Protein backbone atom coordinates (compact mmCIF):
# COMPACT_ATOMS: atom_id res chain seq x y z
CA UNK A 1 -4.92 38.62 -0.75
CA UNK A 2 -5.15 39.23 2.98
CA UNK A 3 -7.23 41.81 4.82
CA UNK A 4 -6.68 45.43 3.73
CA UNK A 5 -5.20 48.10 5.98
CA UNK A 6 -8.17 50.28 5.03
CA UNK A 7 -10.87 50.63 2.39
CA UNK A 8 -11.35 54.06 0.86
CA UNK A 9 -14.05 55.24 -1.49
CA UNK A 10 -12.92 56.86 -4.71
CA UNK A 11 -14.54 58.62 -7.65
CA UNK A 12 -17.89 57.12 -8.73
CA UNK A 13 -18.07 55.18 -5.44
CA UNK A 14 -15.10 53.03 -6.40
CA UNK A 15 -14.07 50.80 -3.51
CA UNK A 16 -10.28 50.85 -3.17
CA UNK A 17 -8.45 48.46 -0.91
CA UNK A 18 -5.32 49.86 0.69
CA UNK A 19 -2.63 47.46 1.88
CA UNK A 20 0.70 47.94 3.54
CA UNK A 21 3.34 46.74 1.09
CA UNK A 22 4.12 43.03 1.35
CA UNK A 23 6.37 40.68 -0.56
CA UNK A 24 3.40 39.42 -2.59
CA UNK A 25 2.96 42.95 -4.03
CA UNK A 26 6.58 43.52 -5.11
CA UNK A 27 6.35 42.11 -8.66
CA UNK A 28 3.30 44.23 -9.53
CA UNK A 29 4.69 47.35 -7.87
CA UNK A 30 7.97 46.90 -9.71
CA UNK A 31 6.19 46.40 -13.06
CA UNK A 32 4.31 49.70 -12.56
CA UNK A 33 7.56 51.36 -11.48
CA UNK A 34 9.29 50.22 -14.68
CA UNK A 35 6.38 51.47 -16.79
CA UNK A 36 6.40 54.86 -15.03
CA UNK A 37 10.03 55.92 -14.60
CA UNK A 38 13.22 55.84 -16.68
CA UNK A 39 15.24 55.35 -13.47
CA UNK A 40 12.93 52.91 -11.73
CA UNK A 41 13.72 51.45 -8.33
CA UNK A 42 14.85 47.84 -8.45
CA UNK A 43 12.81 45.16 -6.69
CA UNK A 44 15.53 45.09 -4.05
CA UNK A 45 14.95 48.76 -3.19
CA UNK A 46 11.28 48.07 -2.45
CA UNK A 47 11.97 45.16 -0.08
CA UNK A 48 13.16 47.25 2.91
CA UNK A 49 9.91 49.25 2.69
CA UNK A 50 7.99 46.15 3.84
CA UNK A 51 9.32 46.38 7.41
CA UNK A 52 10.40 50.02 7.47
CA UNK A 53 10.07 51.28 11.04
CA UNK A 54 10.49 54.93 10.00
CA UNK A 55 7.59 55.09 7.57
CA UNK A 56 4.94 53.26 5.60
CA UNK A 57 4.48 52.11 2.04
CA UNK A 58 0.94 51.62 0.76
CA UNK A 59 -0.44 49.91 -2.33
CA UNK A 60 -3.89 50.72 -3.73
CA UNK A 61 -6.03 48.08 -5.44
CA UNK A 62 -9.36 47.98 -7.20
CA UNK A 63 -10.42 44.35 -7.21
CA UNK A 64 -7.08 42.62 -7.91
CA UNK A 65 -5.64 45.44 -10.05
CA UNK A 66 -2.84 47.66 -8.74
CA UNK A 67 -3.89 51.29 -9.11
CA UNK A 68 -0.89 52.90 -7.51
CA UNK A 69 1.43 53.08 -4.55
CA UNK A 70 2.84 55.64 -2.15
CA UNK A 71 5.53 55.56 0.49
CA UNK A 72 6.85 57.97 3.06
CA UNK A 73 9.45 58.18 5.79
CA UNK A 74 9.07 60.17 9.00
CA UNK A 75 12.00 62.12 10.43
CA UNK A 76 11.13 64.25 13.41
CA UNK A 77 8.12 66.35 12.43
CA UNK A 78 8.73 65.93 8.69
CA UNK A 79 7.22 63.34 6.37
CA UNK A 80 9.21 62.70 3.19
CA UNK A 81 7.26 61.13 0.36
CA UNK A 82 9.65 58.66 -1.22
CA UNK A 83 7.34 57.28 -3.91
CA UNK A 84 3.99 58.32 -5.31
CA UNK A 85 2.73 56.62 -8.45
CA UNK A 86 -0.68 56.23 -10.06
CA UNK A 87 -1.09 53.67 -12.85
CA UNK A 88 -1.51 55.35 -16.27
CA UNK A 89 -5.11 54.20 -16.73
CA UNK A 90 -6.09 55.88 -13.43
CA UNK A 91 -4.31 59.20 -13.94
CA UNK A 92 -6.28 62.44 -14.29
CA UNK A 93 -9.38 60.81 -12.79
CA UNK A 94 -9.10 62.01 -9.19
CA UNK A 95 -7.24 59.00 -7.81
CA UNK A 96 -3.97 60.87 -7.30
CA UNK A 97 -5.77 63.41 -5.13
CA UNK A 98 -7.52 60.61 -3.24
CA UNK A 99 -4.27 58.74 -2.61
CA UNK A 100 -2.44 61.91 -1.58
CA UNK A 101 -5.22 62.78 0.88
CA UNK A 102 -4.89 59.28 2.32
CA UNK A 103 -1.16 59.89 2.82
CA UNK A 104 -1.90 63.26 4.47
CA UNK A 105 -4.19 61.47 6.94
CA UNK A 106 -1.54 58.87 7.73
CA UNK A 107 1.34 61.30 8.32
CA UNK A 108 -0.85 63.48 10.53
CA UNK A 109 -1.43 60.41 12.73
CA UNK A 110 2.35 60.25 13.07
CA UNK A 111 2.44 63.94 14.12
CA UNK A 112 4.16 65.24 10.99
CA UNK A 113 4.05 69.02 10.72
CA UNK A 114 5.09 69.17 7.07
CA UNK A 115 5.51 66.98 4.01
CA UNK A 116 8.42 67.20 1.59
CA UNK A 117 8.84 65.51 -1.78
CA UNK A 118 10.88 65.69 -4.96
CA UNK A 119 9.31 65.68 -8.41
CA UNK A 120 10.91 65.69 -11.85
CA UNK A 121 11.23 69.23 -13.10
CA UNK A 122 9.55 68.27 -16.39
CA UNK A 123 6.72 66.23 -14.79
CA UNK A 124 4.15 68.99 -15.15
CA UNK A 125 1.04 66.85 -14.43
CA UNK A 126 2.48 65.72 -11.07
CA UNK A 127 3.65 69.23 -10.23
CA UNK A 128 0.15 70.59 -10.97
CA UNK A 129 -1.38 67.96 -8.68
CA UNK A 130 1.00 68.82 -5.85
CA UNK A 131 0.46 72.56 -6.32
CA UNK A 132 -3.32 72.04 -6.35
CA UNK A 133 -2.93 70.24 -3.02
CA UNK A 134 -1.02 73.17 -1.53
CA UNK A 135 2.62 72.16 -2.02
CA UNK A 136 5.05 74.98 -2.78
CA UNK A 137 8.41 74.77 -4.54
CA UNK A 138 11.23 75.37 -2.08
CA UNK A 139 14.27 74.42 -4.16
CA UNK A 140 15.90 72.47 -6.97
CA UNK A 141 18.13 69.41 -6.72
CA UNK A 142 20.29 69.67 -9.82
CA UNK A 143 20.92 66.38 -11.65
CA UNK A 144 18.98 64.52 -8.95
CA UNK A 145 17.80 61.68 -11.18
CA UNK A 146 20.94 59.67 -11.89
CA UNK A 147 20.01 57.99 -15.18
CA UNK A 148 18.58 61.07 -16.92
CA UNK A 149 20.44 63.78 -14.92
CA UNK A 150 17.11 65.58 -14.72
CA UNK A 151 16.57 68.13 -11.97
CA UNK A 152 14.12 67.58 -9.16
CA UNK A 153 11.88 70.30 -7.79
CA UNK A 154 11.70 70.07 -4.01
CA UNK A 155 8.21 70.82 -2.75
CA UNK A 156 6.89 71.29 0.76
CA UNK A 157 3.46 71.41 2.37
CA UNK A 158 2.98 72.62 5.94
CA UNK A 159 0.25 70.59 7.63
CA UNK A 160 -2.42 72.22 9.69
CA UNK A 161 -2.28 71.42 13.38
CA UNK A 162 -5.71 69.91 14.21
CA UNK A 163 -5.57 71.23 17.78
CA UNK A 164 -5.20 74.79 16.45
CA UNK A 165 -8.20 74.31 14.13
CA UNK A 166 -10.43 73.35 17.06
CA UNK A 167 -9.70 76.59 18.95
């Protein structure tokens, strides 16, 4: 594997290598996607994320093991999280919070003023994580998930403006 985009330190001083998504990651990302969602993205849907000029898609590794991935698009002052997945063996151990904070840092660098995402209405663990991080429900997308017809809760987080904090 090539040089990481960044190295972050996780719970219990775990060293996590963060990479921008590349073709060499697609098979592992897709396998985790299939294990995590009934309406998983196809491999072909991940490919445009490799060279996406309107956002970034990150993969998180411990040693050679994929821990999770997260992608976002930027439109104006809004960041839209398109994917956020933590591998089952790393859930409820603080890694989701760590990865989300990493995404917050990245979108702030791109001058986003708020973050929006959709989450399955029945995905209570993810909704609790997002609420703990300050996201608020702002709406429902009825039948959003095509295969299951499940609703999505739309959540939004306004980001603090660092220049205002320094005043």
